[in-house]
Amino acid sequence: MRKTFFILFALIGLAGLVAEAHAEVDYKIVTGPERGTYIQIGQDLAKWVADPVGINLDVLASKGSAENVQRMRYEPGVKFALVQSDVYQAYLDMAKSGNEEAGKIIQPLRLIMPLYNEEIYFVVRSDSPINYIHEIKDKNISVGLIGSGTAQSATTLYKLMFNQPIPEQNAQHYSNEDALAKLIVRKLDVAIIVAGQPAKLFQDLNPDLLSQIKLLKLDPSVPETARAEQTYFPATIRTSSYPNWIKEDSPTLTVKAFLVTYDYNLRGTVGALTQFADSLCAHFDELQANGHPKWKQVKMELPPLSRGWKYYPPIEKRLRACIRKMAAGGSNAEAPVTQRAPKRSCTEAEKVLMLCNNQ
């Protein structure tokens, strides 16, 4: 009887270990809209990096970066997120200004590595009288869905360029697809969209609809551009990305995309993420050769970070070893439930970062 008890106990323990091991490799990554670049980057990571080391990486669509930060922090099973640099910085700035909720969300998040620059598209109707980005002041603008990185970029850019926020009556929160539809039927003047080129959104649009829209260009000589370039960087949307749409290269602005995780310390999770890092190193060439064209812009490097930004140490250690090798040639504990602050009015900046939903 005693022997039977010990055998049963051992089998139960073994079953628990198997279940735990299974849970450790069923991970999620939050990305972006179904026809955006982020979701394709997530699919590439699942296929070329996670799968070879036994991680079943479920690629989830989302509104974008601000929602991804929230889900990375609170949603069970989410181990990775794709986040724009300006959104990440906005959370840090909001936390520094005294917003406790922003601090609780961003403090335990860690960077894995920078990825690539995402182009910012300023789209108007083909018959619009405006041709340059600095001419959008006081226009009726779709800035993207609440929770999207587009919303953060659009509102930040407008404030930088014109030294004032977008008037509330002029800021519309539509999805990329809905924004283009509203633009074409003259319900909007401008649609701002953030996506790495080539973006499936524009590639999938039929020629008749493409003929009804055009891109605004960046004028480097005006003061509005100089102010925008305090945070964003100049770039070019190439005709080779959209040969059926634009006839000449179009200068614009970009924002950096980052791969983000959480400051995990459970041994099993740390081990799995370390394996993910080793696989990222081993299969980096395959990502660049077979993944989304944006992978060709990604460098295996970990540059110095702004104050408040931190790499995830277990992955950082492995990737720095990978970088040295290439140069030589050759516990997720559940987030604690916390008491919410008393309800109060919410600023536009907090709305964009989805910091109002929990008040």
Protein backbone atom coordinates (compact mmCIF):
# COMPACT_ATOMS: atom_id res chain seq x y z
CA MET A 1 0.00 0.00 0.00
CA ARG A 2 2.78 2.36 0.97
CA LYS A 3 4.66 1.53 -2.26
CA THR A 4 1.51 2.17 -4.28
CA PHE A 5 1.11 5.55 -2.58
CA PHE A 6 4.64 6.63 -3.46
CA ILE A 7 4.22 5.49 -7.08
CA LEU A 8 0.96 7.42 -7.33
CA PHE A 9 2.57 10.48 -5.74
CA ALA A 10 5.47 10.29 -8.21
CA LEU A 11 3.10 9.98 -11.16
CA ILE A 12 1.10 13.02 -10.00
CA GLY A 13 4.34 14.98 -9.63
CA LEU A 14 5.47 13.90 -13.08
CA ALA A 15 2.14 14.93 -14.57
CA GLY A 16 2.49 18.32 -12.92
CA LEU A 17 5.95 18.76 -14.39
CA VAL A 18 4.72 17.81 -17.85
CA ALA A 19 1.83 20.25 -17.57
CA GLU A 20 4.18 22.98 -16.38
CA ALA A 21 6.60 22.31 -19.22
CA HIS A 22 3.73 22.44 -21.70
CA ALA A 23 2.53 25.76 -20.29
CA GLU A 24 6.01 27.22 -20.54
CA VAL A 25 6.13 26.74 -24.30
CA ASP A 26 2.61 27.93 -25.17
CA TYR A 27 3.31 31.64 -25.49
CA LYS A 28 1.62 34.60 -27.17
CA ILE A 29 2.88 37.70 -28.97
CA VAL A 30 0.68 40.77 -29.42
CA THR A 31 1.28 42.59 -32.70
CA GLY A 32 -1.03 44.93 -34.65
CA PRO A 33 -3.89 45.07 -37.19
CA GLU A 34 -4.52 42.09 -39.47
CA ARG A 35 -3.19 43.91 -42.53
CA GLY A 36 -0.33 45.68 -40.81
CA THR A 37 3.39 44.94 -40.70
CA TYR A 38 3.57 43.98 -37.01
CA ILE A 39 1.44 40.87 -37.43
CA GLN A 40 3.69 39.65 -40.25
CA ILE A 41 6.77 40.25 -38.08
CA GLY A 42 5.10 38.21 -35.31
CA GLN A 43 4.37 35.39 -37.74
CA ASP A 44 8.01 35.39 -38.84
CA LEU A 45 9.19 35.14 -35.22
CA ALA A 46 6.78 32.26 -34.60
CA LYS A 47 7.97 30.32 -37.65
CA TRP A 48 11.69 30.99 -37.76
CA VAL A 49 12.60 31.58 -34.10
CA ALA A 50 10.04 30.11 -31.69
CA ASP A 51 9.09 26.91 -33.49
CA PRO A 52 12.65 25.52 -33.82
CA VAL A 53 13.04 25.53 -30.01
CA GLY A 54 9.61 24.07 -29.25
CA ILE A 55 7.82 27.33 -28.38
CA ASN A 56 4.28 27.42 -29.74
CA LEU A 57 3.97 31.18 -30.33
CA ASP A 58 0.38 32.31 -30.90
CA VAL A 59 0.40 35.51 -32.97
CA LEU A 60 -2.40 37.84 -31.84
CA ALA A 61 -3.78 40.84 -33.69
CA SER A 62 -4.36 44.08 -31.77
CA LYS A 63 -5.11 47.77 -32.23
CA GLY A 64 -1.40 48.50 -31.84
CA SER A 65 1.36 49.54 -29.48
CA ALA A 66 -0.50 51.07 -26.54
CA GLU A 67 -2.85 48.09 -26.34
CA ASN A 68 0.18 45.79 -26.64
CA VAL A 69 1.83 47.41 -23.62
CA GLN A 70 -1.32 46.83 -21.58
CA ARG A 71 -1.69 43.22 -22.71
CA MET A 72 2.02 42.50 -22.19
CA ARG A 73 1.59 43.65 -18.60
CA TYR A 74 -1.69 41.99 -17.68
CA GLU A 75 -2.84 39.29 -20.13
CA PRO A 76 -1.89 35.71 -19.18
CA GLY A 77 0.35 33.95 -21.67
CA VAL A 78 1.55 37.07 -23.47
CA LYS A 79 5.34 36.88 -23.37
CA PHE A 80 6.22 39.21 -26.25
CA ALA A 81 4.91 42.47 -27.70
CA LEU A 82 5.78 44.77 -30.58
CA VAL A 83 5.84 48.38 -29.43
CA GLN A 84 6.69 51.71 -31.05
CA SER A 85 9.45 53.70 -29.37
CA ASP A 86 7.31 56.82 -28.93
CA VAL A 87 4.58 54.82 -27.18
CA TYR A 88 7.09 53.21 -24.80
CA GLN A 89 8.60 56.62 -24.06
CA ALA A 90 5.16 58.16 -23.54
CA TYR A 91 4.40 55.62 -20.80
CA LEU A 92 7.74 56.39 -19.13
CA ASP A 93 7.07 60.13 -19.35
CA MET A 94 3.56 59.68 -17.96
CA ALA A 95 4.93 57.61 -15.08
CA LYS A 96 7.61 60.22 -14.37
CA SER A 97 4.93 62.92 -14.27
CA GLY A 98 3.21 61.06 -11.44
CA ASN A 99 0.68 58.80 -13.17
CA GLU A 100 0.76 55.71 -10.93
CA GLU A 101 -1.09 53.48 -13.38
CA ALA A 102 1.44 54.22 -16.13
CA GLY A 103 4.25 53.40 -13.69
CA LYS A 104 2.69 50.07 -12.70
CA ILE A 105 2.31 49.12 -16.35
CA ILE A 106 5.70 50.14 -17.76
CA GLN A 107 8.09 49.54 -14.83
CA PRO A 108 8.38 45.73 -15.21
CA LEU A 109 8.54 45.74 -19.03
CA ARG A 110 11.90 45.08 -20.68
CA LEU A 111 13.25 45.45 -24.20
CA ILE A 112 14.59 42.52 -26.19
CA MET A 113 15.98 44.48 -29.14
CA PRO A 114 15.21 47.31 -31.56
CA LEU A 115 13.79 46.17 -34.87
CA TYR A 116 13.22 48.60 -37.74
CA ASN A 117 11.79 52.01 -38.56
CA GLU A 118 8.09 52.26 -39.38
CA GLU A 119 7.05 54.85 -41.93
CA ILE A 120 4.31 57.37 -41.12
CA TYR A 121 1.85 57.85 -43.98
CA PHE A 122 -0.12 61.09 -44.28
CA VAL A 123 -2.87 60.25 -46.78
CA VAL A 124 -5.31 62.67 -48.43
CA ARG A 125 -7.67 62.53 -51.41
CA SER A 126 -6.05 62.90 -54.80
CA ASP A 127 -7.90 66.17 -55.38
CA SER A 128 -6.88 67.65 -52.02
CA PRO A 129 -5.31 71.12 -52.31
CA ILE A 130 -2.64 70.27 -49.74
CA ASN A 131 0.59 68.51 -50.69
CA TYR A 132 2.83 68.71 -47.61
CA ILE A 133 2.67 67.28 -44.11
CA HIS A 134 2.98 70.69 -42.43
CA GLU A 135 -0.28 71.76 -44.11
CA ILE A 136 -2.52 69.50 -42.00
CA LYS A 137 -3.10 72.07 -39.25
CA ASP A 138 -6.80 72.47 -38.37
CA LYS A 139 -7.83 69.67 -40.76
CA ASN A 140 -10.24 66.87 -39.86
CA ILE A 141 -7.79 64.03 -39.17
CA SER A 142 -8.04 60.31 -38.40
CA VAL A 143 -5.28 59.69 -35.86
CA GLY A 144 -5.89 55.95 -35.42
CA LEU A 145 -7.75 53.84 -32.88
CA ILE A 146 -7.39 54.47 -29.16
CA GLY A 147 -4.70 52.03 -28.07
CA SER A 148 -2.82 52.11 -31.37
CA GLY A 149 0.72 53.30 -31.90
CA THR A 150 -0.61 55.40 -34.76
CA ALA A 151 -2.69 57.44 -32.32
CA GLN A 152 0.38 58.16 -30.20
CA SER A 153 2.52 59.11 -33.19
CA ALA A 154 -0.17 61.24 -34.81
CA THR A 155 -0.99 63.21 -31.67
CA THR A 156 2.66 63.63 -30.70
CA LEU A 157 3.66 64.77 -34.18
CA TYR A 158 0.85 67.30 -34.42
CA LYS A 159 1.76 68.80 -31.05
CA LEU A 160 5.44 68.97 -32.00
CA MET A 161 4.75 70.60 -35.36
CA PHE A 162 2.18 73.16 -34.28
CA ASN A 163 2.93 73.65 -30.55
CA GLN A 164 -0.63 72.66 -29.66
CA PRO A 165 -2.69 69.45 -29.49
CA ILE A 166 -5.12 68.48 -32.25
CA PRO A 167 -8.43 70.24 -31.50
CA GLU A 168 -10.74 67.62 -30.01
CA GLN A 169 -13.37 68.13 -32.71
CA ASN A 170 -10.76 67.45 -35.42
CA ALA A 171 -9.32 64.18 -34.03
CA GLN A 172 -11.13 61.07 -35.27
CA HIS A 173 -10.27 57.56 -34.06
CA TYR A 174 -10.79 55.18 -36.98
CA SER A 175 -9.05 51.96 -37.98
CA ASN A 176 -6.73 52.23 -40.97
CA GLU A 177 -9.28 50.68 -43.31
CA ASP A 178 -12.15 52.83 -42.04
CA ALA A 179 -9.99 55.96 -42.22
CA LEU A 180 -9.26 55.40 -45.92
CA ALA A 181 -12.96 54.75 -46.60
CA LYS A 182 -13.99 57.92 -44.75
CA LEU A 183 -11.31 59.85 -46.62
CA ILE A 184 -12.55 58.75 -50.02
CA VAL A 185 -16.18 59.72 -49.23
CA ARG A 186 -15.02 63.13 -47.92
CA LYS A 187 -15.77 62.51 -44.24
CA LEU A 188 -12.10 63.20 -43.44
CA ASP A 189 -9.36 65.49 -44.73
CA VAL A 190 -6.34 63.44 -43.63
CA ALA A 191 -5.67 59.84 -42.53
CA ILE A 192 -2.47 59.22 -40.58
CA ILE A 193 -1.26 55.61 -40.71
CA VAL A 194 1.90 54.04 -39.26
CA ALA A 195 3.14 50.90 -41.01
CA GLY A 196 6.42 49.47 -42.22
CA GLN A 197 6.68 49.43 -45.99
CA PRO A 198 5.58 47.59 -47.95
CA ALA A 199 2.30 47.68 -46.00
CA LYS A 200 -0.28 45.05 -46.93
CA LEU A 201 -3.00 47.66 -46.33
CA PHE A 202 -1.97 49.59 -49.45
CA GLN A 203 -0.84 46.56 -51.43
CA ASP A 204 -4.32 45.02 -51.08
CA LEU A 205 -6.23 48.18 -52.05
CA ASN A 206 -7.72 47.96 -55.53
CA PRO A 207 -6.34 50.32 -58.23
CA ASP A 208 -9.52 52.38 -58.43
CA LEU A 209 -9.35 53.25 -54.72
CA LEU A 210 -5.60 53.85 -54.87
CA SER A 211 -6.15 56.37 -57.65
CA GLN A 212 -8.35 58.40 -55.29
CA ILE A 213 -5.68 58.95 -52.61
CA LYS A 214 -2.19 60.45 -52.45
CA LEU A 215 0.63 60.91 -49.95
CA LEU A 216 1.65 64.19 -48.37
CA LYS A 217 5.38 64.91 -48.50
CA LEU A 218 7.81 66.11 -45.86
CA ASP A 219 9.29 69.54 -46.55
CA PRO A 220 12.69 69.71 -44.79
CA SER A 221 12.86 73.50 -45.04
CA VAL A 222 9.92 74.46 -42.81
CA PRO A 223 10.07 74.95 -39.00
CA GLU A 224 7.27 72.42 -38.45
CA THR A 225 9.53 69.68 -39.83
CA ALA A 226 12.45 70.78 -37.66
CA ARG A 227 10.26 70.49 -34.56
CA ALA A 228 8.93 67.06 -35.61
CA GLU A 229 12.48 65.79 -36.09
CA GLN A 230 13.18 66.35 -32.38
CA THR A 231 11.49 62.96 -31.85
CA TYR A 232 11.03 61.38 -35.29
CA PHE A 233 13.40 60.78 -38.18
CA PRO A 234 13.19 61.48 -41.93
CA ALA A 235 12.58 58.57 -44.28
CA THR A 236 11.32 57.76 -47.75
CA ILE A 237 8.30 55.79 -48.94
CA ARG A 238 9.62 54.18 -52.10
CA THR A 239 7.89 53.67 -55.42
CA SER A 240 9.27 50.10 -55.39
CA SER A 241 7.05 49.38 -52.37
CA TYR A 242 3.89 50.54 -54.16
CA PRO A 243 4.52 50.52 -57.94
CA ASN A 244 0.78 50.56 -58.63
CA TRP A 245 0.21 53.65 -56.51
CA ILE A 246 2.95 56.25 -56.15
CA LYS A 247 4.92 57.51 -59.14
CA GLU A 248 7.84 59.02 -57.22
CA ASP A 249 9.52 58.49 -53.87
CA SER A 250 7.77 60.35 -51.06
CA PRO A 251 9.72 61.80 -48.11
CA THR A 252 8.12 61.28 -44.69
CA LEU A 253 8.95 60.49 -41.03
CA THR A 254 9.55 57.26 -39.14
CA VAL A 255 9.29 55.77 -35.66
CA LYS A 256 11.32 52.82 -34.31
CA ALA A 257 9.71 49.45 -33.50
CA PHE A 258 10.92 47.35 -30.54
CA LEU A 259 10.42 43.77 -29.43
CA VAL A 260 9.39 43.84 -25.77
CA THR A 261 8.96 41.33 -22.94
CA TYR A 262 8.43 41.30 -19.16
CA ASP A 263 10.99 41.05 -16.35
CA TYR A 264 10.36 37.34 -15.79
CA ASN A 265 12.25 35.45 -13.08
CA LEU A 266 10.67 31.98 -12.97
CA ARG A 267 13.35 29.48 -13.94
CA GLY A 268 11.27 27.75 -16.61
CA THR A 269 10.28 31.01 -18.29
CA VAL A 270 13.81 32.39 -18.14
CA GLY A 271 15.07 29.16 -19.72
CA ALA A 272 12.53 29.29 -22.53
CA LEU A 273 13.27 32.95 -23.27
CA THR A 274 16.99 32.21 -23.27
CA GLN A 275 16.34 29.48 -25.84
CA PHE A 276 14.32 32.01 -27.84
CA ALA A 277 17.33 34.37 -27.80
CA ASP A 278 19.70 31.62 -28.97
CA SER A 279 17.27 30.70 -31.74
CA LEU A 280 16.96 34.36 -32.78
CA CYS A 281 20.74 34.42 -33.15
CA ALA A 282 20.89 31.11 -35.00
CA HIS A 283 18.06 31.92 -37.43
CA PHE A 284 18.63 35.64 -37.92
CA ASP A 285 19.87 35.12 -41.48
CA GLU A 286 16.75 33.10 -42.30
CA LEU A 287 14.52 35.91 -40.98
CA GLN A 288 16.29 38.39 -43.23
CA ALA A 289 16.17 36.09 -46.24
CA ASN A 290 12.63 34.73 -45.88
CA GLY A 291 10.67 37.07 -43.61
CA HIS A 292 8.96 40.39 -44.23
CA PRO A 293 11.22 42.80 -46.20
CA LYS A 294 11.55 44.94 -43.06
CA TRP A 295 13.80 42.26 -41.54
CA LYS A 296 16.52 43.36 -43.95
CA GLN A 297 16.66 46.65 -42.01
CA VAL A 298 17.06 44.94 -38.63
CA LYS A 299 20.57 44.73 -37.22
CA MET A 300 21.74 42.29 -34.58
CA GLU A 301 22.75 45.00 -32.13
CA LEU A 302 21.79 46.35 -28.70
CA PRO A 303 22.47 50.09 -28.73
CA PRO A 304 22.61 52.21 -25.56
CA LEU A 305 19.16 53.02 -24.22
CA SER A 306 17.47 56.21 -23.08
CA ARG A 307 17.09 56.73 -19.36
CA GLY A 308 14.36 54.48 -17.96
CA TRP A 309 14.63 51.93 -20.76
CA LYS A 310 16.09 48.53 -19.85
CA TYR A 311 16.97 45.34 -21.71
CA TYR A 312 15.83 41.97 -20.32
CA PRO A 313 19.09 40.64 -18.77
CA PRO A 314 18.85 36.89 -19.64
CA ILE A 315 18.17 37.66 -23.30
CA GLU A 316 20.62 40.57 -23.36
CA LYS A 317 23.40 38.24 -22.20
CA ARG A 318 22.71 35.74 -24.97
CA LEU A 319 22.31 38.35 -27.71
CA ARG A 320 25.52 40.14 -26.73
CA ALA A 321 27.31 36.79 -26.99
CA CYS A 322 25.72 36.38 -30.43
CA ILE A 323 26.86 39.88 -31.46
CA ARG A 324 30.43 39.10 -30.37
CA LYS A 325 30.34 35.84 -32.28
CA MET A 326 29.06 37.57 -35.42
CA ALA A 327 31.68 40.31 -35.08
CA ALA A 328 34.37 37.63 -34.85
CA GLY A 329 33.01 36.14 -38.07
CA GLY A 330 32.08 33.25 -37.36
CA SER A 331 8.81 33.80 -12.47
CA ASN A 332 6.22 35.02 -14.49
CA ALA A 333 4.11 35.67 -11.47
CA GLU A 334 0.70 37.05 -12.22
CA ALA A 335 0.62 40.82 -12.01
CA PRO A 336 -0.78 41.76 -8.59
CA VAL A 337 -4.26 43.16 -8.39
CA THR A 338 -3.96 46.71 -7.16
CA GLN A 339 -6.39 49.26 -5.87
CA ARG A 340 -7.35 51.77 -8.52
CA ALA A 341 -7.06 55.48 -7.95
CA PRO A 342 -10.30 57.42 -7.50
CA LYS A 343 -12.01 58.40 -10.74
CA ARG A 344 -11.06 61.75 -12.23
CA SER A 345 -11.14 63.48 -15.58
CA CYS A 346 -8.83 61.99 -18.20
CA THR A 347 -6.44 63.91 -20.44
CA GLU A 348 -6.21 63.28 -24.19
CA ALA A 349 -2.66 61.92 -23.75
CA GLU A 350 -3.91 59.40 -21.17
CA LYS A 351 -6.76 58.34 -23.48
CA VAL A 352 -4.30 57.55 -26.29
CA LEU A 353 -2.26 55.34 -23.94
CA MET A 354 -5.42 53.60 -22.67
CA LEU A 355 -4.80 54.83 -19.13
CA CYS A 356 -8.45 55.88 -18.68
CA ASN A 357 -10.10 52.46 -18.99
CA ASN A 358 -9.07 51.39 -15.49
CA GLN A 359 -10.09 54.54 -13.65
